[in-house]
Amino acid sequence: MISVTHRLVSAAGADRIFVLNNGKLVESGRHEELIEPGGHYAELWAKQSGLSVNATGDHASVSTQRLRTLPVFDQLDDALLADVAQLFVTEQYPKGRMVVYKGDRGDRFYLIARGSVEVLRPAEDAREQTRIAVLWDGDYFGEIALLNNVTRTAGVKTLTPCTFLSLQREQFSYLLERAPQLRVRLEQVLAAREAEGGEAALCKGRCT
């Protein structure tokens, strides 16, 4: 039996796993063999770990260990991370639905628990949109909205049915009161990402 998937938990028990990146075969082997070298498969596994979704997809959760891997939250202590994890709300969207539109009020941060989305910018012809990124399980977008009261710089549309974990800016403000260093850290993350390459860097799994 041959299975094609982006959800690695469903591939972990396979006799042999072939890992593709941008259409090219980059690794192959069993799950245990691919985890050890710390290559592309291991990176994807780490990104998707710590996220759980129930059978119906209407409830998701994230572990404190997974939150710590996000640059936005990596300097918080365990107790505060546990509080952050409880503030996330589960949201479900069907395939083909706009999650945010360019120009919308940026009021929340999204972590993709299951599914994939495309990030869109209007093309020269305003009736068309250009895809600038595709995000999968474990990716996130909207952290700029947590810090600044700005409108969305791109639209996000679901490519598959999706389950998100979202954090509203009002809740994030509560965190800033408890951990002022969080604002400094987020400013550092955004400045570094812009220095890496502006829009392209902002959309490496983290946009709008």
N, C-alpha and C. Protein backbone atom coordinates (compact mmCIF):
# COMPACT_ATOMS: atom_id res chain seq x y z
N MET A 1 0.84 -1.19 0.00
CA MET A 1 0.00 0.00 0.00
C MET A 1 0.88 1.25 0.00
N ILE A 2 0.56 2.20 -0.85
CA ILE A 2 1.29 3.46 -0.94
C ILE A 2 0.37 4.58 -0.45
N SER A 3 0.87 5.40 0.46
CA SER A 3 0.10 6.51 1.00
C SER A 3 0.86 7.81 0.78
N VAL A 4 0.14 8.85 0.38
CA VAL A 4 0.73 10.18 0.21
C VAL A 4 0.10 11.10 1.24
N THR A 5 0.92 11.74 2.07
CA THR A 5 0.37 12.55 3.15
C THR A 5 1.34 13.64 3.57
N HIS A 6 0.79 14.71 4.13
CA HIS A 6 1.59 15.74 4.79
C HIS A 6 1.52 15.59 6.30
N ARG A 7 0.63 14.70 6.78
CA ARG A 7 0.47 14.50 8.22
C ARG A 7 1.34 13.33 8.63
N LEU A 8 2.49 13.63 9.22
CA LEU A 8 3.51 12.62 9.42
C LEU A 8 3.12 11.54 10.41
N VAL A 9 2.22 11.83 11.35
CA VAL A 9 1.82 10.81 12.30
C VAL A 9 1.22 9.60 11.59
N SER A 10 0.62 9.83 10.42
CA SER A 10 0.02 8.72 9.67
C SER A 10 1.06 7.94 8.88
N ALA A 11 2.29 8.47 8.79
CA ALA A 11 3.36 7.80 8.05
C ALA A 11 4.37 7.13 8.97
N ALA A 12 4.31 7.43 10.26
CA ALA A 12 5.36 6.99 11.18
C ALA A 12 5.52 5.48 11.24
N GLY A 13 4.45 4.72 11.01
CA GLY A 13 4.53 3.27 11.09
C GLY A 13 4.82 2.59 9.77
N ALA A 14 5.08 3.36 8.73
CA ALA A 14 5.33 2.77 7.41
C ALA A 14 6.66 2.02 7.36
N ASP A 15 6.73 1.01 6.50
CA ASP A 15 7.98 0.25 6.33
C ASP A 15 9.07 1.12 5.71
N ARG A 16 8.68 2.05 4.87
CA ARG A 16 9.65 2.96 4.26
C ARG A 16 8.97 4.28 3.94
N ILE A 17 9.63 5.36 4.27
CA ILE A 17 9.09 6.70 4.05
C ILE A 17 9.98 7.43 3.06
N PHE A 18 9.38 8.00 2.04
CA PHE A 18 10.11 8.81 1.06
C PHE A 18 9.72 10.26 1.29
N VAL A 19 10.70 11.10 1.53
CA VAL A 19 10.47 12.50 1.87
C VAL A 19 10.76 13.38 0.66
N LEU A 20 9.75 14.13 0.23
CA LEU A 20 9.90 15.03 -0.91
C LEU A 20 9.92 16.47 -0.43
N ASN A 21 10.75 17.28 -1.05
CA ASN A 21 10.82 18.71 -0.76
C ASN A 21 10.93 19.44 -2.08
N ASN A 22 9.93 20.28 -2.38
CA ASN A 22 9.89 20.99 -3.67
C ASN A 22 9.99 20.04 -4.84
N GLY A 23 9.31 18.89 -4.71
CA GLY A 23 9.25 17.94 -5.81
C GLY A 23 10.45 17.02 -5.95
N LYS A 24 11.41 17.12 -5.04
CA LYS A 24 12.61 16.29 -5.12
C LYS A 24 12.70 15.36 -3.91
N LEU A 25 13.19 14.14 -4.16
CA LEU A 25 13.39 13.19 -3.08
C LEU A 25 14.62 13.60 -2.28
N VAL A 26 14.43 13.88 -0.99
CA VAL A 26 15.56 14.36 -0.17
C VAL A 26 15.97 13.35 0.91
N GLU A 27 15.06 12.45 1.31
CA GLU A 27 15.38 11.47 2.34
C GLU A 27 14.49 10.24 2.15
N SER A 28 14.94 9.11 2.68
CA SER A 28 14.11 7.91 2.71
C SER A 28 14.58 7.01 3.84
N GLY A 29 13.67 6.21 4.37
CA GLY A 29 13.99 5.31 5.46
C GLY A 29 12.80 5.12 6.37
N ARG A 30 13.00 4.44 7.49
CA ARG A 30 11.95 4.29 8.50
C ARG A 30 11.90 5.54 9.38
N HIS A 31 10.82 5.67 10.11
CA HIS A 31 10.63 6.85 10.95
C HIS A 31 11.81 7.07 11.89
N GLU A 32 12.22 6.01 12.58
CA GLU A 32 13.31 6.13 13.55
C GLU A 32 14.61 6.57 12.89
N GLU A 33 14.85 6.09 11.67
CA GLU A 33 16.08 6.43 10.95
C GLU A 33 16.07 7.89 10.50
N LEU A 34 14.89 8.39 10.16
CA LEU A 34 14.79 9.75 9.65
C LEU A 34 14.80 10.79 10.77
N ILE A 35 14.36 10.40 11.96
CA ILE A 35 14.33 11.33 13.08
C ILE A 35 15.75 11.63 13.56
N GLU A 36 16.60 10.63 13.61
CA GLU A 36 17.92 10.77 14.21
C GLU A 36 18.82 11.82 13.55
N PRO A 37 18.92 11.87 12.20
CA PRO A 37 19.86 12.83 11.59
C PRO A 37 19.47 14.30 11.75
N GLY A 38 18.21 14.56 12.08
CA GLY A 38 17.78 15.95 12.23
C GLY A 38 17.62 16.67 10.91
N GLY A 39 17.22 15.94 9.85
CA GLY A 39 17.05 16.52 8.53
C GLY A 39 15.66 17.09 8.30
N HIS A 40 15.23 17.10 7.05
CA HIS A 40 13.95 17.71 6.67
C HIS A 40 12.78 17.01 7.35
N TYR A 41 12.78 15.69 7.35
CA TYR A 41 11.70 14.94 7.98
C TYR A 41 11.63 15.26 9.47
N ALA A 42 12.78 15.29 10.13
CA ALA A 42 12.82 15.58 11.57
C ALA A 42 12.28 16.96 11.87
N GLU A 43 12.58 17.93 11.00
CA GLU A 43 12.07 19.29 11.19
C GLU A 43 10.55 19.31 11.07
N LEU A 44 10.02 18.60 10.07
CA LEU A 44 8.57 18.55 9.89
C LEU A 44 7.90 17.83 11.05
N TRP A 45 8.53 16.76 11.53
CA TRP A 45 7.98 16.02 12.66
C TRP A 45 7.89 16.93 13.90
N ALA A 46 8.96 17.67 14.15
CA ALA A 46 8.97 18.57 15.31
C ALA A 46 7.90 19.64 15.18
N LYS A 47 7.68 20.14 13.96
CA LYS A 47 6.69 21.19 13.73
C LYS A 47 5.28 20.69 13.99
N GLN A 48 5.02 19.43 13.63
CA GLN A 48 3.67 18.89 13.77
C GLN A 48 3.42 18.26 15.14
N SER A 49 4.47 17.99 15.89
CA SER A 49 4.31 17.37 17.20
C SER A 49 3.73 18.37 18.20
N GLY A 50 3.05 17.87 19.20
CA GLY A 50 2.51 18.74 20.24
C GLY A 50 1.18 19.36 19.89
N LEU A 51 0.62 19.00 18.72
CA LEU A 51 -0.71 19.47 18.32
C LEU A 51 -1.63 18.26 18.26
N SER A 52 -2.80 18.36 18.85
CA SER A 52 -3.75 17.26 18.80
C SER A 52 -5.12 17.78 18.40
N VAL A 53 -5.83 16.96 17.61
CA VAL A 53 -7.16 17.30 17.13
C VAL A 53 -8.05 16.07 17.35
N ASN A 54 -9.26 16.27 17.87
CA ASN A 54 -10.13 15.12 18.08
C ASN A 54 -10.68 14.59 16.76
N ALA A 55 -11.41 13.48 16.81
CA ALA A 55 -11.84 12.78 15.60
C ALA A 55 -12.75 13.63 14.71
N THR A 56 -13.55 14.50 15.31
CA THR A 56 -14.47 15.33 14.52
C THR A 56 -13.84 16.65 14.09
N GLY A 57 -12.66 16.95 14.62
CA GLY A 57 -11.96 18.17 14.22
C GLY A 57 -12.47 19.43 14.86
N ASP A 58 -13.40 19.30 15.83
CA ASP A 58 -13.98 20.51 16.43
C ASP A 58 -13.30 20.91 17.74
N HIS A 59 -12.24 20.19 18.11
CA HIS A 59 -11.47 20.61 19.29
C HIS A 59 -10.01 20.26 19.08
N ALA A 60 -9.15 21.26 19.29
CA ALA A 60 -7.71 21.07 19.14
C ALA A 60 -7.01 21.62 20.38
N SER A 61 -5.79 21.17 20.59
CA SER A 61 -5.00 21.68 21.72
C SER A 61 -3.53 21.67 21.33
N VAL A 62 -2.74 22.45 22.07
CA VAL A 62 -1.30 22.54 21.81
C VAL A 62 -0.57 22.39 23.13
N SER A 63 0.54 21.67 23.11
CA SER A 63 1.31 21.45 24.32
C SER A 63 2.21 22.65 24.61
N THR A 64 2.61 22.78 25.87
CA THR A 64 3.53 23.87 26.23
C THR A 64 4.87 23.68 25.54
N GLN A 65 5.29 22.42 25.35
CA GLN A 65 6.56 22.17 24.67
C GLN A 65 6.53 22.66 23.23
N ARG A 66 5.37 22.47 22.56
CA ARG A 66 5.24 22.94 21.18
C ARG A 66 5.23 24.46 21.13
N LEU A 67 4.54 25.09 22.07
CA LEU A 67 4.52 26.55 22.10
C LEU A 67 5.92 27.12 22.28
N ARG A 68 6.74 26.44 23.06
CA ARG A 68 8.09 26.94 23.31
C ARG A 68 8.94 26.95 22.04
N THR A 69 8.59 26.15 21.05
CA THR A 69 9.36 26.14 19.79
C THR A 69 9.02 27.33 18.90
N LEU A 70 7.95 28.07 19.22
CA LEU A 70 7.58 29.24 18.43
C LEU A 70 8.38 30.44 18.92
N PRO A 71 9.05 31.16 18.03
CA PRO A 71 9.85 32.31 18.45
C PRO A 71 9.08 33.34 19.27
N VAL A 72 7.77 33.41 19.04
CA VAL A 72 6.96 34.38 19.77
C VAL A 72 6.93 34.08 21.27
N PHE A 73 6.96 32.79 21.63
CA PHE A 73 6.75 32.39 23.02
C PHE A 73 7.96 31.71 23.66
N ASP A 74 9.09 31.69 22.98
CA ASP A 74 10.20 30.84 23.44
C ASP A 74 10.88 31.30 24.73
N GLN A 75 10.58 32.51 25.19
CA GLN A 75 11.23 32.99 26.41
C GLN A 75 10.31 33.01 27.63
N LEU A 76 9.12 32.44 27.49
CA LEU A 76 8.18 32.40 28.61
C LEU A 76 8.45 31.19 29.50
N ASP A 77 8.17 31.32 30.79
CA ASP A 77 8.37 30.18 31.69
C ASP A 77 7.22 29.18 31.52
N ASP A 78 7.39 28.00 32.09
CA ASP A 78 6.44 26.91 31.89
C ASP A 78 5.04 27.27 32.39
N ALA A 79 4.97 27.95 33.52
CA ALA A 79 3.66 28.30 34.08
C ALA A 79 2.89 29.23 33.16
N LEU A 80 3.57 30.23 32.60
CA LEU A 80 2.91 31.17 31.70
C LEU A 80 2.56 30.50 30.37
N LEU A 81 3.43 29.61 29.90
CA LEU A 81 3.12 28.88 28.67
C LEU A 81 1.87 28.03 28.84
N ALA A 82 1.72 27.43 30.00
CA ALA A 82 0.53 26.62 30.27
C ALA A 82 -0.72 27.49 30.21
N ASP A 83 -0.63 28.72 30.71
CA ASP A 83 -1.76 29.65 30.64
C ASP A 83 -2.05 30.04 29.19
N VAL A 84 -0.98 30.26 28.42
CA VAL A 84 -1.15 30.62 27.00
C VAL A 84 -1.88 29.51 26.26
N ALA A 85 -1.48 28.28 26.51
CA ALA A 85 -2.09 27.14 25.83
C ALA A 85 -3.60 27.09 26.07
N GLN A 86 -4.03 27.50 27.26
CA GLN A 86 -5.45 27.47 27.60
C GLN A 86 -6.23 28.61 26.95
N LEU A 87 -5.54 29.64 26.48
CA LEU A 87 -6.22 30.78 25.88
C LEU A 87 -6.58 30.56 24.41
N PHE A 88 -5.98 29.56 23.78
CA PHE A 88 -6.26 29.30 22.37
C PHE A 88 -7.67 28.74 22.20
N VAL A 89 -8.34 29.19 21.14
CA VAL A 89 -9.70 28.75 20.82
C VAL A 89 -9.67 27.97 19.52
N THR A 90 -10.44 26.88 19.43
CA THR A 90 -10.51 26.07 18.22
C THR A 90 -11.46 26.70 17.21
N GLU A 91 -11.02 26.80 15.96
CA GLU A 91 -11.86 27.29 14.87
C GLU A 91 -11.78 26.31 13.71
N GLN A 92 -12.91 26.03 13.07
CA GLN A 92 -12.97 25.14 11.92
C GLN A 92 -13.42 25.90 10.68
N TYR A 93 -12.79 25.57 9.54
CA TYR A 93 -13.18 26.16 8.26
C TYR A 93 -13.24 25.07 7.20
N PRO A 94 -14.23 25.11 6.32
CA PRO A 94 -14.28 24.14 5.23
C PRO A 94 -13.28 24.49 4.12
N LYS A 95 -13.09 23.61 3.19
CA LYS A 95 -12.22 23.85 2.05
C LYS A 95 -12.76 25.02 1.22
N GLY A 96 -11.83 25.88 0.74
CA GLY A 96 -12.22 26.97 -0.13
C GLY A 96 -12.76 28.20 0.57
N ARG A 97 -12.60 28.30 1.87
CA ARG A 97 -13.13 29.43 2.64
C ARG A 97 -12.00 30.43 2.95
N MET A 98 -12.29 31.73 2.80
CA MET A 98 -11.35 32.76 3.20
C MET A 98 -11.33 32.87 4.72
N VAL A 99 -10.14 32.76 5.30
CA VAL A 99 -9.98 32.91 6.75
C VAL A 99 -9.82 34.39 7.09
N VAL A 100 -8.97 35.07 6.34
CA VAL A 100 -8.83 36.52 6.47
C VAL A 100 -8.68 37.12 5.08
N TYR A 101 -9.08 38.36 4.94
CA TYR A 101 -8.92 39.10 3.69
C TYR A 101 -7.86 40.18 3.89
N LYS A 102 -7.14 40.50 2.82
CA LYS A 102 -6.22 41.63 2.87
C LYS A 102 -7.01 42.88 3.23
N GLY A 103 -6.53 43.63 4.21
CA GLY A 103 -7.22 44.83 4.66
C GLY A 103 -8.10 44.62 5.88
N ASP A 104 -8.35 43.34 6.25
CA ASP A 104 -9.10 43.07 7.48
C ASP A 104 -8.34 43.58 8.70
N ARG A 105 -9.06 43.84 9.76
CA ARG A 105 -8.44 44.19 11.03
C ARG A 105 -7.66 42.98 11.55
N GLY A 106 -6.40 43.19 11.87
CA GLY A 106 -5.59 42.10 12.40
C GLY A 106 -5.83 41.94 13.88
N ASP A 107 -6.64 40.97 14.25
CA ASP A 107 -7.02 40.87 15.66
C ASP A 107 -6.69 39.53 16.29
N ARG A 108 -6.04 38.60 15.53
CA ARG A 108 -5.73 37.33 16.15
C ARG A 108 -4.60 36.59 15.43
N PHE A 109 -3.99 35.69 16.17
CA PHE A 109 -2.89 34.84 15.72
C PHE A 109 -3.45 33.44 15.48
N TYR A 110 -3.03 32.80 14.38
CA TYR A 110 -3.54 31.47 14.04
C TYR A 110 -2.41 30.45 14.01
N LEU A 111 -2.65 29.29 14.61
CA LEU A 111 -1.77 28.14 14.54
C LEU A 111 -2.56 27.04 13.85
N ILE A 112 -2.01 26.49 12.76
CA ILE A 112 -2.72 25.46 11.99
C ILE A 112 -2.55 24.12 12.69
N ALA A 113 -3.65 23.61 13.26
CA ALA A 113 -3.60 22.30 13.91
C ALA A 113 -3.77 21.18 12.89
N ARG A 114 -4.58 21.41 11.87
CA ARG A 114 -4.78 20.42 10.81
C ARG A 114 -5.26 21.10 9.56
N GLY A 115 -4.66 20.74 8.42
CA GLY A 115 -5.09 21.28 7.14
C GLY A 115 -4.03 22.12 6.47
N SER A 116 -4.39 22.74 5.34
CA SER A 116 -3.46 23.59 4.62
C SER A 116 -4.19 24.82 4.08
N VAL A 117 -3.44 25.92 3.96
CA VAL A 117 -3.99 27.18 3.45
C VAL A 117 -3.02 27.78 2.45
N GLU A 118 -3.53 28.68 1.64
CA GLU A 118 -2.67 29.46 0.75
C GLU A 118 -2.75 30.92 1.16
N VAL A 119 -1.61 31.60 1.07
CA VAL A 119 -1.52 33.03 1.38
C VAL A 119 -1.56 33.78 0.07
N LEU A 120 -2.45 34.75 -0.04
CA LEU A 120 -2.74 35.41 -1.31
C LEU A 120 -2.53 36.92 -1.23
N ARG A 121 -2.01 37.48 -2.32
CA ARG A 121 -1.92 38.92 -2.50
C ARG A 121 -2.58 39.29 -3.83
N PRO A 122 -3.30 40.42 -3.88
CA PRO A 122 -3.91 40.85 -5.13
C PRO A 122 -2.85 41.05 -6.22
N ALA A 123 -3.13 40.57 -7.42
CA ALA A 123 -2.23 40.77 -8.55
C ALA A 123 -2.51 42.14 -9.16
N GLU A 124 -1.78 42.46 -10.24
CA GLU A 124 -1.99 43.76 -10.90
C GLU A 124 -3.44 43.90 -11.34
N ASP A 125 -3.99 42.81 -11.85
CA ASP A 125 -5.41 42.79 -12.15
C ASP A 125 -6.13 42.50 -10.83
N ALA A 126 -6.84 43.46 -10.32
CA ALA A 126 -7.45 43.34 -9.00
C ALA A 126 -8.40 42.17 -8.88
N ARG A 127 -8.84 41.62 -10.03
CA ARG A 127 -9.76 40.49 -9.98
C ARG A 127 -9.02 39.18 -9.71
N GLU A 128 -7.70 39.18 -9.82
CA GLU A 128 -6.90 37.98 -9.61
C GLU A 128 -6.08 38.12 -8.33
N GLN A 129 -5.66 36.97 -7.77
CA GLN A 129 -4.80 36.97 -6.61
C GLN A 129 -3.60 36.05 -6.85
N THR A 130 -2.45 36.44 -6.31
CA THR A 130 -1.23 35.68 -6.47
C THR A 130 -0.92 34.90 -5.21
N ARG A 131 -0.65 33.61 -5.36
CA ARG A 131 -0.28 32.79 -4.21
C ARG A 131 1.18 33.07 -3.86
N ILE A 132 1.44 33.42 -2.61
CA ILE A 132 2.82 33.70 -2.20
C ILE A 132 3.34 32.69 -1.19
N ALA A 133 2.47 31.82 -0.68
CA ALA A 133 2.93 30.77 0.23
C ALA A 133 1.81 29.76 0.45
N VAL A 134 2.20 28.54 0.79
CA VAL A 134 1.27 27.49 1.22
C VAL A 134 1.72 27.04 2.59
N LEU A 135 0.80 27.01 3.56
CA LEU A 135 1.11 26.64 4.93
C LEU A 135 0.37 25.36 5.31
N TRP A 136 1.01 24.53 6.16
CA TRP A 136 0.48 23.23 6.54
C TRP A 136 0.39 23.09 8.06
N ASP A 137 0.06 21.87 8.48
CA ASP A 137 0.01 21.55 9.91
C ASP A 137 1.25 22.08 10.62
N GLY A 138 1.04 22.79 11.71
CA GLY A 138 2.16 23.28 12.50
C GLY A 138 2.63 24.67 12.12
N ASP A 139 2.26 25.15 10.93
CA ASP A 139 2.61 26.52 10.54
C ASP A 139 1.68 27.50 11.25
N TYR A 140 2.01 28.77 11.17
CA TYR A 140 1.20 29.78 11.85
C TYR A 140 1.27 31.09 11.09
N PHE A 141 0.32 31.96 11.39
CA PHE A 141 0.29 33.28 10.76
C PHE A 141 -0.48 34.25 11.65
N GLY A 142 -0.18 35.54 11.47
CA GLY A 142 -0.92 36.57 12.18
C GLY A 142 -0.25 37.12 13.42
N GLU A 143 1.03 36.76 13.68
CA GLU A 143 1.65 37.27 14.91
C GLU A 143 1.89 38.77 14.85
N ILE A 144 1.99 39.34 13.64
CA ILE A 144 2.13 40.79 13.53
C ILE A 144 0.92 41.48 14.15
N ALA A 145 -0.25 40.87 13.98
CA ALA A 145 -1.48 41.44 14.51
C ALA A 145 -1.50 41.45 16.03
N LEU A 146 -0.72 40.58 16.66
CA LEU A 146 -0.69 40.56 18.12
C LEU A 146 0.01 41.78 18.69
N LEU A 147 0.95 42.32 17.92
CA LEU A 147 1.77 43.42 18.42
C LEU A 147 1.26 44.78 17.97
N ASN A 148 0.87 44.88 16.72
CA ASN A 148 0.49 46.18 16.16
C ASN A 148 -0.96 46.17 15.69
N ASN A 149 -1.64 47.27 15.88
CA ASN A 149 -3.01 47.41 15.43
C ASN A 149 -3.01 47.79 13.95
N VAL A 150 -2.70 46.79 13.11
CA VAL A 150 -2.58 47.03 11.67
C VAL A 150 -3.55 46.11 10.95
N THR A 151 -3.82 46.45 9.69
CA THR A 151 -4.69 45.61 8.88
C THR A 151 -3.87 44.47 8.27
N ARG A 152 -4.55 43.43 7.84
CA ARG A 152 -3.90 42.27 7.24
C ARG A 152 -3.20 42.67 5.94
N THR A 153 -1.99 42.17 5.77
CA THR A 153 -1.22 42.49 4.57
C THR A 153 -1.43 41.47 3.46
N ALA A 154 -2.16 40.40 3.74
CA ALA A 154 -2.44 39.37 2.74
C ALA A 154 -3.71 38.63 3.13
N GLY A 155 -4.28 37.91 2.19
CA GLY A 155 -5.43 37.07 2.48
C GLY A 155 -4.99 35.64 2.70
N VAL A 156 -5.80 34.87 3.40
CA VAL A 156 -5.51 33.46 3.66
C VAL A 156 -6.77 32.66 3.34
N LYS A 157 -6.60 31.64 2.49
CA LYS A 157 -7.74 30.81 2.04
C LYS A 157 -7.42 29.35 2.27
N THR A 158 -8.40 28.59 2.73
CA THR A 158 -8.17 27.17 3.00
C THR A 158 -8.10 26.37 1.71
N LEU A 159 -7.13 25.46 1.65
CA LEU A 159 -7.00 24.53 0.53
C LEU A 159 -7.64 23.19 0.86
N THR A 160 -7.79 22.90 2.14
CA THR A 160 -8.45 21.70 2.64
C THR A 160 -9.31 22.10 3.83
N PRO A 161 -10.17 21.23 4.32
CA PRO A 161 -10.83 21.53 5.59
C PRO A 161 -9.76 21.76 6.66
N CYS A 162 -9.93 22.79 7.47
CA CYS A 162 -8.89 23.18 8.42
C CYS A 162 -9.42 23.32 9.84
N THR A 163 -8.56 22.98 10.78
CA THR A 163 -8.80 23.24 12.19
C THR A 163 -7.67 24.14 12.68
N PHE A 164 -8.01 25.30 13.21
CA PHE A 164 -7.03 26.26 13.71
C PHE A 164 -7.14 26.40 15.23
N LEU A 165 -6.02 26.79 15.82
CA LEU A 165 -6.03 27.31 17.18
C LEU A 165 -5.76 28.80 17.06
N SER A 166 -6.65 29.63 17.61
CA SER A 166 -6.49 31.08 17.46
C SER A 166 -6.34 31.74 18.83
N LEU A 167 -5.57 32.83 18.82
CA LEU A 167 -5.35 33.62 20.03
C LEU A 167 -5.68 35.07 19.70
N GLN A 168 -6.68 35.65 20.39
CA GLN A 168 -7.11 37.01 20.11
C GLN A 168 -6.17 38.03 20.75
N ARG A 169 -6.08 39.21 20.13
CA ARG A 169 -5.17 40.24 20.62
C ARG A 169 -5.54 40.70 22.02
N GLU A 170 -6.83 40.72 22.36
CA GLU A 170 -7.22 41.12 23.70
C GLU A 170 -6.63 40.17 24.74
N GLN A 171 -6.61 38.88 24.42
CA GLN A 171 -6.01 37.90 25.33
C GLN A 171 -4.50 38.06 25.37
N PHE A 172 -3.91 38.38 24.22
CA PHE A 172 -2.46 38.58 24.17
C PHE A 172 -2.06 39.80 25.01
N SER A 173 -2.90 40.83 25.03
CA SER A 173 -2.62 42.01 25.84
C SER A 173 -2.53 41.64 27.32
N TYR A 174 -3.37 40.69 27.72
CA TYR A 174 -3.31 40.20 29.10
C TYR A 174 -1.95 39.55 29.38
N LEU A 175 -1.44 38.83 28.38
CA LEU A 175 -0.12 38.20 28.54
C LEU A 175 0.98 39.24 28.64
N LEU A 176 0.86 40.32 27.86
CA LEU A 176 1.88 41.37 27.89
C LEU A 176 1.96 42.02 29.27
N GLU A 177 0.82 42.12 29.94
CA GLU A 177 0.83 42.68 31.29
C GLU A 177 1.60 41.79 32.25
N ARG A 178 1.50 40.49 32.06
CA ARG A 178 2.18 39.54 32.95
C ARG A 178 3.64 39.31 32.55
N ALA A 179 3.93 39.50 31.26
CA ALA A 179 5.30 39.24 30.79
C ALA A 179 5.71 40.33 29.81
N PRO A 180 6.13 41.49 30.31
CA PRO A 180 6.51 42.61 29.43
C PRO A 180 7.61 42.24 28.43
N GLN A 181 8.44 41.26 28.75
CA GLN A 181 9.52 40.87 27.84
C GLN A 181 8.98 40.25 26.56
N LEU A 182 7.70 39.86 26.58
CA LEU A 182 7.10 39.25 25.41
C LEU A 182 7.01 40.25 24.25
N ARG A 183 6.68 41.51 24.55
CA ARG A 183 6.63 42.53 23.50
C ARG A 183 8.00 42.76 22.90
N VAL A 184 9.02 42.82 23.73
CA VAL A 184 10.39 43.01 23.22
C VAL A 184 10.80 41.84 22.33
N ARG A 185 10.46 40.62 22.77
CA ARG A 185 10.83 39.44 22.00
C ARG A 185 10.13 39.44 20.65
N LEU A 186 8.85 39.77 20.62
CA LEU A 186 8.10 39.77 19.37
C LEU A 186 8.63 40.83 18.42
N GLU A 187 9.00 41.99 18.94
CA GLU A 187 9.58 43.04 18.11
C GLU A 187 10.90 42.56 17.50
N GLN A 188 11.69 41.83 18.28
CA GLN A 188 12.95 41.29 17.77
C GLN A 188 12.71 40.28 16.66
N VAL A 189 11.72 39.41 16.85
CA VAL A 189 11.41 38.38 15.85
C VAL A 189 10.98 39.02 14.53
N LEU A 190 10.10 40.01 14.62
CA LEU A 190 9.60 40.65 13.40
C LEU A 190 10.71 41.43 12.69
N ALA A 191 11.57 42.12 13.46
CA ALA A 191 12.67 42.88 12.85
C ALA A 191 13.65 41.94 12.15
N ALA A 192 13.95 40.81 12.80
CA ALA A 192 14.89 39.86 12.20
C ALA A 192 14.32 39.24 10.94
N ARG A 193 13.02 38.95 10.95
CA ARG A 193 12.40 38.33 9.78
C ARG A 193 12.37 39.28 8.60
N GLU A 194 12.09 40.56 8.86
CA GLU A 194 12.09 41.55 7.78
C GLU A 194 13.50 41.70 7.21
N ALA A 195 14.51 41.62 8.07
CA ALA A 195 15.90 41.74 7.61
C ALA A 195 16.30 40.55 6.74
N GLU A 196 15.65 39.39 6.95
CA GLU A 196 15.97 38.20 6.17
C GLU A 196 15.53 38.31 4.73
N GLY A 197 14.55 39.15 4.48
CA GLY A 197 14.09 39.23 3.10
C GLY A 197 12.69 39.75 2.92
N GLY A 198 12.25 40.56 3.86
CA GLY A 198 10.97 41.23 3.71
C GLY A 198 9.82 40.27 3.58
N GLU A 199 9.01 40.44 2.55
CA GLU A 199 7.79 39.68 2.37
C GLU A 199 8.04 38.19 2.27
N ALA A 200 9.09 37.80 1.55
CA ALA A 200 9.38 36.37 1.39
C ALA A 200 9.64 35.72 2.74
N ALA A 201 10.39 36.40 3.59
CA ALA A 201 10.70 35.84 4.90
C ALA A 201 9.46 35.81 5.78
N LEU A 202 8.61 36.82 5.65
CA LEU A 202 7.40 36.87 6.47
C LEU A 202 6.45 35.74 6.13
N CYS A 203 6.63 35.13 4.98
CA CYS A 203 5.69 34.09 4.55
C CYS A 203 6.30 32.70 4.56
N LYS A 204 7.36 32.50 5.30
CA LYS A 204 7.93 31.16 5.46
C LYS A 204 7.20 30.45 6.61
N GLY A 205 5.89 30.28 6.41
CA GLY A 205 5.10 29.63 7.45
C GLY A 205 4.51 30.58 8.45
N ARG A 206 4.72 31.88 8.24
CA ARG A 206 4.27 32.85 9.23
C ARG A 206 3.93 34.15 8.49
N CYS A 207 2.68 34.40 8.23
CA CYS A 207 2.32 35.55 7.40
C CYS A 207 1.22 36.39 8.01
N THR A 208 0.97 37.52 7.34
CA THR A 208 -0.11 38.48 7.61
C THR A 208 -0.05 39.01 9.02
